[in-house]
Amino acid sequence: MEINLDDVEYVGETSVTIRKSRRRITVPKEVAEQLGLLDGNRIRWILFKDGRLYLSKADKLQQKRTAE
C-alpha cells in the first residue's frame, strides 16, 4: 500500500480491550479532536479485503437514522 506522507495528519497506535463479547478501543486525542468526536458520536468502519481499514466520523444524517 502506498501512502503519500503529505496527506497524513496523524500516525499512532492504540490497544484493543476485549472483555467477553465487548470490544473497546481508545481513539487517540489527536484523532478525536481532528474529527470533532464527542461522546455518543458514531464512527463508520470499512475493512478492505487486503486488511486496510478506513475509519471516519459518521455524518449527522447517518447518526439520526441509526437512532430511529
PDB file of N, CA and C in Angstrom:
ATOM      1  N   MET A   1       0.848  -1.167   0.000  1.00  0.00           N
ATOM      2  CA  MET A   1       0.000   0.000   0.000  1.00  0.00           C
ATOM      3  C   MET A   1       0.898   1.236   0.000  1.00  0.00           C
ATOM      4  N   GLU A   2       0.602   2.162  -0.877  1.00  0.00           N
ATOM      5  CA  GLU A   2       1.361   3.404  -0.950  1.00  0.00           C
ATOM      6  C   GLU A   2       0.673   4.496  -0.143  1.00  0.00           C
ATOM      7  N   ILE A   3       1.456   5.219   0.619  1.00  0.00           N
ATOM      8  CA  ILE A   3       0.919   6.330   1.411  1.00  0.00           C
ATOM      9  C   ILE A   3       1.732   7.569   1.088  1.00  0.00           C
ATOM     10  N   ASN A   4       1.043   8.620   0.706  1.00  0.00           N
ATOM     11  CA  ASN A   4       1.694   9.905   0.477  1.00  0.00           C
ATOM     12  C   ASN A   4       1.733  10.624   1.825  1.00  0.00           C
ATOM     13  N   LEU A   5       2.913  10.773   2.401  1.00  0.00           N
ATOM     14  CA  LEU A   5       3.030  11.366   3.734  1.00  0.00           C
ATOM     15  C   LEU A   5       2.565  12.814   3.779  1.00  0.00           C
ATOM     16  N   ASP A   6       2.483  13.478   2.648  1.00  0.00           N
ATOM     17  CA  ASP A   6       1.941  14.839   2.623  1.00  0.00           C
ATOM     18  C   ASP A   6       0.451  14.845   2.963  1.00  0.00           C
ATOM     19  N   ASP A   7      -0.223  13.696   2.784  1.00  0.00           N
ATOM     20  CA  ASP A   7      -1.656  13.585   3.075  1.00  0.00           C
ATOM     21  C   ASP A   7      -1.937  13.094   4.485  1.00  0.00           C
ATOM     22  N   VAL A   8      -0.888  12.758   5.249  1.00  0.00           N
ATOM     23  CA  VAL A   8      -1.054  12.158   6.574  1.00  0.00           C
ATOM     24  C   VAL A   8      -1.092  13.243   7.641  1.00  0.00           C
ATOM     25  N   GLU A   9      -2.129  13.193   8.457  1.00  0.00           N
ATOM     26  CA  GLU A   9      -2.278  14.131   9.573  1.00  0.00           C
ATOM     27  C   GLU A   9      -1.738  13.529  10.868  1.00  0.00           C
ATOM     28  N   TYR A  10      -1.896  12.212  11.055  1.00  0.00           N
ATOM     29  CA  TYR A  10      -1.538  11.581  12.322  1.00  0.00           C
ATOM     30  C   TYR A  10      -1.240  10.105  12.091  1.00  0.00           C
ATOM     31  N   VAL A  11      -0.253   9.569  12.772  1.00  0.00           N
ATOM     32  CA  VAL A  11       0.049   8.138  12.787  1.00  0.00           C
ATOM     33  C   VAL A  11       0.241   7.744  14.249  1.00  0.00           C
ATOM     34  N   GLY A  12      -0.432   6.707  14.674  1.00  0.00           N
ATOM     35  CA  GLY A  12      -0.291   6.266  16.061  1.00  0.00           C
ATOM     36  C   GLY A  12      -0.845   4.869  16.219  1.00  0.00           C
ATOM     37  N   GLU A  13      -0.741   4.330  17.394  1.00  0.00           N
ATOM     38  CA  GLU A  13      -1.247   3.000  17.710  1.00  0.00           C
ATOM     39  C   GLU A  13      -1.997   3.059  19.031  1.00  0.00           C
ATOM     40  N   THR A  14      -3.026   2.223  19.146  1.00  0.00           N
ATOM     41  CA  THR A  14      -3.738   2.056  20.412  1.00  0.00           C
ATOM     42  C   THR A  14      -3.947   0.566  20.626  1.00  0.00           C
ATOM     43  N   SER A  15      -4.336   0.203  21.817  1.00  0.00           N
ATOM     44  CA  SER A  15      -4.605  -1.205  22.101  1.00  0.00           C
ATOM     45  C   SER A  15      -6.108  -1.449  22.086  1.00  0.00           C
ATOM     46  N   VAL A  16      -6.467  -2.696  21.900  1.00  0.00           N
ATOM     47  CA  VAL A  16      -7.858  -3.124  21.931  1.00  0.00           C
ATOM     48  C   VAL A  16      -8.080  -3.836  23.260  1.00  0.00           C
ATOM     49  N   THR A  17      -9.197  -3.547  23.909  1.00  0.00           N
ATOM     50  CA  THR A  17      -9.554  -4.224  25.147  1.00  0.00           C
ATOM     51  C   THR A  17     -10.746  -5.130  24.852  1.00  0.00           C
ATOM     52  N   ILE A  18     -10.615  -6.419  25.125  1.00  0.00           N
ATOM     53  CA  ILE A  18     -11.702  -7.372  24.886  1.00  0.00           C
ATOM     54  C   ILE A  18     -12.087  -7.997  26.213  1.00  0.00           C
ATOM     55  N   ARG A  19     -13.344  -7.810  26.589  1.00  0.00           N
ATOM     56  CA  ARG A  19     -13.886  -8.423  27.806  1.00  0.00           C
ATOM     57  C   ARG A  19     -15.184  -9.107  27.413  1.00  0.00           C
ATOM     58  N   LYS A  20     -15.154 -10.431  27.421  1.00  0.00           N
ATOM     59  CA  LYS A  20     -16.296 -11.245  26.991  1.00  0.00           C
ATOM     60  C   LYS A  20     -16.672 -10.850  25.571  1.00  0.00           C
ATOM     61  N   SER A  21     -17.899 -10.430  25.329  1.00  0.00           N
ATOM     62  CA  SER A  21     -18.320 -10.106  23.957  1.00  0.00           C
ATOM     63  C   SER A  21     -18.086  -8.637  23.605  1.00  0.00           C
ATOM     64  N   ARG A  22     -17.622  -7.833  24.553  1.00  0.00           N
ATOM     65  CA  ARG A  22     -17.426  -6.396  24.303  1.00  0.00           C
ATOM     66  C   ARG A  22     -15.999  -6.109  23.868  1.00  0.00           C
ATOM     67  N   ARG A  23     -15.883  -5.256  22.871  1.00  0.00           N
ATOM     68  CA  ARG A  23     -14.567  -4.841  22.378  1.00  0.00           C
ATOM     69  C   ARG A  23     -14.509  -3.329  22.447  1.00  0.00           C
ATOM     70  N   ARG A  24     -13.436  -2.822  22.976  1.00  0.00           N
ATOM     71  CA  ARG A  24     -13.281  -1.376  23.148  1.00  0.00           C
ATOM     72  C   ARG A  24     -11.963  -0.938  22.539  1.00  0.00           C
ATOM     73  N   ILE A  25     -11.962   0.237  21.944  1.00  0.00           N
ATOM     74  CA  ILE A  25     -10.717   0.855  21.503  1.00  0.00           C
ATOM     75  C   ILE A  25     -10.681   2.261  22.056  1.00  0.00           C
ATOM     76  N   THR A  26      -9.514   2.805  22.149  1.00  0.00           N
ATOM     77  CA  THR A  26      -9.341   4.192  22.555  1.00  0.00           C
ATOM     78  C   THR A  26      -8.987   4.990  21.316  1.00  0.00           C
ATOM     79  N   VAL A  27      -9.757   6.019  21.049  1.00  0.00           N
ATOM     80  CA  VAL A  27      -9.450   6.908  19.931  1.00  0.00           C
ATOM     81  C   VAL A  27      -8.427   7.919  20.427  1.00  0.00           C
ATOM     82  N   PRO A  28      -7.281   7.996  19.769  1.00  0.00           N
ATOM     83  CA  PRO A  28      -6.269   8.956  20.210  1.00  0.00           C
ATOM     84  C   PRO A  28      -6.818  10.384  20.240  1.00  0.00           C
ATOM     85  N   LYS A  29      -6.387  11.141  21.221  1.00  0.00           N
ATOM     86  CA  LYS A  29      -6.857  12.514  21.409  1.00  0.00           C
ATOM     87  C   LYS A  29      -6.738  13.328  20.124  1.00  0.00           C
ATOM     88  N   GLU A  30      -5.612  13.194  19.424  1.00  0.00           N
ATOM     89  CA  GLU A  30      -5.387  13.974  18.204  1.00  0.00           C
ATOM     90  C   GLU A  30      -6.423  13.638  17.135  1.00  0.00           C
ATOM     91  N   VAL A  31      -6.789  12.368  17.033  1.00  0.00           N
ATOM     92  CA  VAL A  31      -7.784  11.947  16.044  1.00  0.00           C
ATOM     93  C   VAL A  31      -9.170  12.438  16.446  1.00  0.00           C
ATOM     94  N   ALA A  32      -9.524  12.279  17.725  1.00  0.00           N
ATOM     95  CA  ALA A  32     -10.832  12.730  18.206  1.00  0.00           C
ATOM     96  C   ALA A  32     -11.003  14.226  17.993  1.00  0.00           C
ATOM     97  N   GLU A  33      -9.952  14.989  18.254  1.00  0.00           N
ATOM     98  CA  GLU A  33     -10.027  16.437  18.061  1.00  0.00           C
ATOM     99  C   GLU A  33     -10.146  16.791  16.583  1.00  0.00           C
ATOM    100  N   GLN A  34      -9.369  16.129  15.736  1.00  0.00           N
ATOM    101  CA  GLN A  34      -9.395  16.423  14.298  1.00  0.00           C
ATOM    102  C   GLN A  34     -10.763  16.103  13.696  1.00  0.00           C
ATOM    103  N   LEU A  35     -11.386  14.995  14.153  1.00  0.00           N
ATOM    104  CA  LEU A  35     -12.701  14.613  13.635  1.00  0.00           C
ATOM    105  C   LEU A  35     -13.835  15.316  14.358  1.00  0.00           C
ATOM    106  N   GLY A  36     -13.521  15.994  15.453  1.00  0.00           N
ATOM    107  CA  GLY A  36     -14.569  16.660  16.229  1.00  0.00           C
ATOM    108  C   GLY A  36     -15.476  15.659  16.932  1.00  0.00           C
ATOM    109  N   LEU A  37     -14.907  14.533  17.378  1.00  0.00           N
ATOM    110  CA  LEU A  37     -15.702  13.495  18.028  1.00  0.00           C
ATOM    111  C   LEU A  37     -16.122  13.913  19.427  1.00  0.00           C
ATOM    112  N   LEU A  38     -17.375  13.653  19.727  1.00  0.00           N
ATOM    113  CA  LEU A  38     -17.933  13.907  21.048  1.00  0.00           C
ATOM    114  C   LEU A  38     -18.523  12.608  21.574  1.00  0.00           C
ATOM    115  N   ASP A  39     -18.734  12.536  22.871  1.00  0.00           N
ATOM    116  CA  ASP A  39     -19.333  11.359  23.482  1.00  0.00           C
ATOM    117  C   ASP A  39     -20.659  11.052  22.788  1.00  0.00           C
ATOM    118  N   GLY A  40     -20.840   9.829  22.363  1.00  0.00           N
ATOM    119  CA  GLY A  40     -22.078   9.421  21.708  1.00  0.00           C
ATOM    120  C   GLY A  40     -22.035   9.485  20.187  1.00  0.00           C
ATOM    121  N   ASN A  41     -21.030  10.155  19.616  1.00  0.00           N
ATOM    122  CA  ASN A  41     -20.903  10.173  18.160  1.00  0.00           C
ATOM    123  C   ASN A  41     -20.657   8.763  17.661  1.00  0.00           C
ATOM    124  N   ARG A  42     -21.019   8.529  16.410  1.00  0.00           N
ATOM    125  CA  ARG A  42     -20.815   7.224  15.797  1.00  0.00           C
ATOM    126  C   ARG A  42     -19.633   7.290  14.849  1.00  0.00           C
ATOM    127  N   ILE A  43     -18.954   6.150  14.705  1.00  0.00           N
ATOM    128  CA  ILE A  43     -17.813   6.035  13.804  1.00  0.00           C
ATOM    129  C   ILE A  43     -18.144   4.973  12.762  1.00  0.00           C
ATOM    130  N   ARG A  44     -17.808   5.257  11.519  1.00  0.00           N
ATOM    131  CA  ARG A  44     -18.007   4.293  10.430  1.00  0.00           C
ATOM    132  C   ARG A  44     -16.688   3.566  10.185  1.00  0.00           C
ATOM    133  N   TRP A  45     -16.746   2.238  10.117  1.00  0.00           N
ATOM    134  CA  TRP A  45     -15.578   1.394   9.886  1.00  0.00           C
ATOM    135  C   TRP A  45     -15.756   0.702   8.544  1.00  0.00           C
ATOM    136  N   ILE A  46     -14.740   0.741   7.700  1.00  0.00           N
ATOM    137  CA  ILE A  46     -14.743  -0.008   6.445  1.00  0.00           C
ATOM    138  C   ILE A  46     -13.446  -0.813   6.404  1.00  0.00           C
ATOM    139  N   LEU A  47     -13.576  -2.128   6.403  1.00  0.00           N
ATOM    140  CA  LEU A  47     -12.422  -3.021   6.355  1.00  0.00           C
ATOM    141  C   LEU A  47     -12.331  -3.604   4.951  1.00  0.00           C
ATOM    142  N   PHE A  48     -11.215  -3.377   4.285  1.00  0.00           N
ATOM    143  CA  PHE A  48     -10.998  -3.885   2.948  1.00  0.00           C
ATOM    144  C   PHE A  48     -10.430  -5.298   3.007  1.00  0.00           C
ATOM    145  N   LYS A  49     -10.639  -6.066   1.953  1.00  0.00           N
ATOM    146  CA  LYS A  49     -10.174  -7.456   1.903  1.00  0.00           C
ATOM    147  C   LYS A  49      -8.666  -7.571   2.089  1.00  0.00           C
ATOM    148  N   ASP A  50      -7.916  -6.538   1.714  1.00  0.00           N
ATOM    149  CA  ASP A  50      -6.455  -6.594   1.851  1.00  0.00           C
ATOM    150  C   ASP A  50      -5.975  -6.188   3.241  1.00  0.00           C
ATOM    151  N   GLY A  51      -6.901  -5.952   4.194  1.00  0.00           N
ATOM    152  CA  GLY A  51      -6.539  -5.635   5.567  1.00  0.00           C
ATOM    153  C   GLY A  51      -6.494  -4.150   5.888  1.00  0.00           C
ATOM    154  N   ARG A  52      -6.649  -3.287   4.870  1.00  0.00           N
ATOM    155  CA  ARG A  52      -6.689  -1.848   5.147  1.00  0.00           C
ATOM    156  C   ARG A  52      -7.994  -1.515   5.857  1.00  0.00           C
ATOM    157  N   LEU A  53      -7.933  -0.534   6.719  1.00  0.00           N
ATOM    158  CA  LEU A  53      -9.102  -0.100   7.471  1.00  0.00           C
ATOM    159  C   LEU A  53      -9.314   1.381   7.234  1.00  0.00           C
ATOM    160  N   TYR A  54     -10.548   1.757   6.935  1.00  0.00           N
ATOM    161  CA  TYR A  54     -10.914   3.164   6.759  1.00  0.00           C
ATOM    162  C   TYR A  54     -11.878   3.502   7.877  1.00  0.00           C
ATOM    163  N   LEU A  55     -11.592   4.541   8.600  1.00  0.00           N
ATOM    164  CA  LEU A  55     -12.414   4.957   9.724  1.00  0.00           C
ATOM    165  C   LEU A  55     -12.780   6.416   9.525  1.00  0.00           C
ATOM    166  N   SER A  56     -14.048   6.753   9.730  1.00  0.00           N
ATOM    167  CA  SER A  56     -14.475   8.151   9.624  1.00  0.00           C
ATOM    168  C   SER A  56     -15.622   8.398  10.590  1.00  0.00           C
ATOM    169  N   LYS A  57     -15.823   9.641  10.898  1.00  0.00           N
ATOM    170  CA  LYS A  57     -16.964  10.029  11.721  1.00  0.00           C
ATOM    171  C   LYS A  57     -18.204   9.879  10.851  1.00  0.00           C
ATOM    172  N   ALA A  58     -19.227   9.192  11.381  1.00  0.00           N
ATOM    173  CA  ALA A  58     -20.476   9.052  10.638  1.00  0.00           C
ATOM    174  C   ALA A  58     -21.148  10.418  10.583  1.00  0.00           C
ATOM    175  N   ASP A  59     -21.684  10.750   9.425  1.00  0.00           N
ATOM    176  CA  ASP A  59     -22.324  12.065   9.301  1.00  0.00           C
ATOM    177  C   ASP A  59     -23.595  12.118  10.145  1.00  0.00           C
ATOM    178  N   LYS A  60     -24.079  13.324  10.404  1.00  0.00           N
ATOM    179  CA  LYS A  60     -25.226  13.503  11.299  1.00  0.00           C
ATOM    180  C   LYS A  60     -26.465  12.818  10.774  1.00  0.00           C
ATOM    181  N   LEU A  61     -26.662  12.792   9.429  1.00  0.00           N
ATOM    182  CA  LEU A  61     -27.823  12.122   8.860  1.00  0.00           C
ATOM    183  C   LEU A  61     -27.776  10.625   9.169  1.00  0.00           C
ATOM    184  N   GLN A  62     -26.607  10.022   9.029  1.00  0.00           N
ATOM    185  CA  GLN A  62     -26.443   8.608   9.330  1.00  0.00           C
ATOM    186  C   GLN A  62     -26.687   8.345  10.809  1.00  0.00           C
ATOM    187  N   GLN A  63     -26.185   9.228  11.680  1.00  0.00           N
ATOM    188  CA  GLN A  63     -26.386   9.056  13.122  1.00  0.00           C
ATOM    189  C   GLN A  63     -27.852   9.135  13.462  1.00  0.00           C
ATOM    190  N   LYS A  64     -28.594  10.046  12.818  1.00  0.00           N
ATOM    191  CA  LYS A  64     -30.019  10.202  13.091  1.00  0.00           C
ATOM    192  C   LYS A  64     -30.781   8.957  12.664  1.00  0.00           C
ATOM    193  N   ARG A  65     -30.450   8.400  11.491  1.00  0.00           N
ATOM    194  CA  ARG A  65     -31.116   7.183  11.014  1.00  0.00           C
ATOM    195  C   ARG A  65     -30.884   6.032  11.970  1.00  0.00           C
ATOM    196  N   THR A  66     -29.682   5.914  12.496  1.00  0.00           N
ATOM    197  CA  THR A  66     -29.342   4.815  13.398  1.00  0.00           C
ATOM    198  C   THR A  66     -30.108   4.951  14.711  1.00  0.00           C
ATOM    199  N   ALA A  67     -30.356   6.167  15.161  1.00  0.00           N
ATOM    200  CA  ALA A  67     -31.043   6.400  16.432  1.00  0.00           C
ATOM    201  C   ALA A  67     -32.543   6.115  16.331  1.00  0.00           C
ATOM    202  N   GLU A  68     -33.081   6.168  15.131  1.00  0.00           N
ATOM    203  CA  GLU A  68     -34.543   5.965  14.967  1.00  0.00           C
ATOM    204  C   GLU A  68     -34.954   4.525  15.088  1.00  0.00           C
TER     205      GLU A  68
END
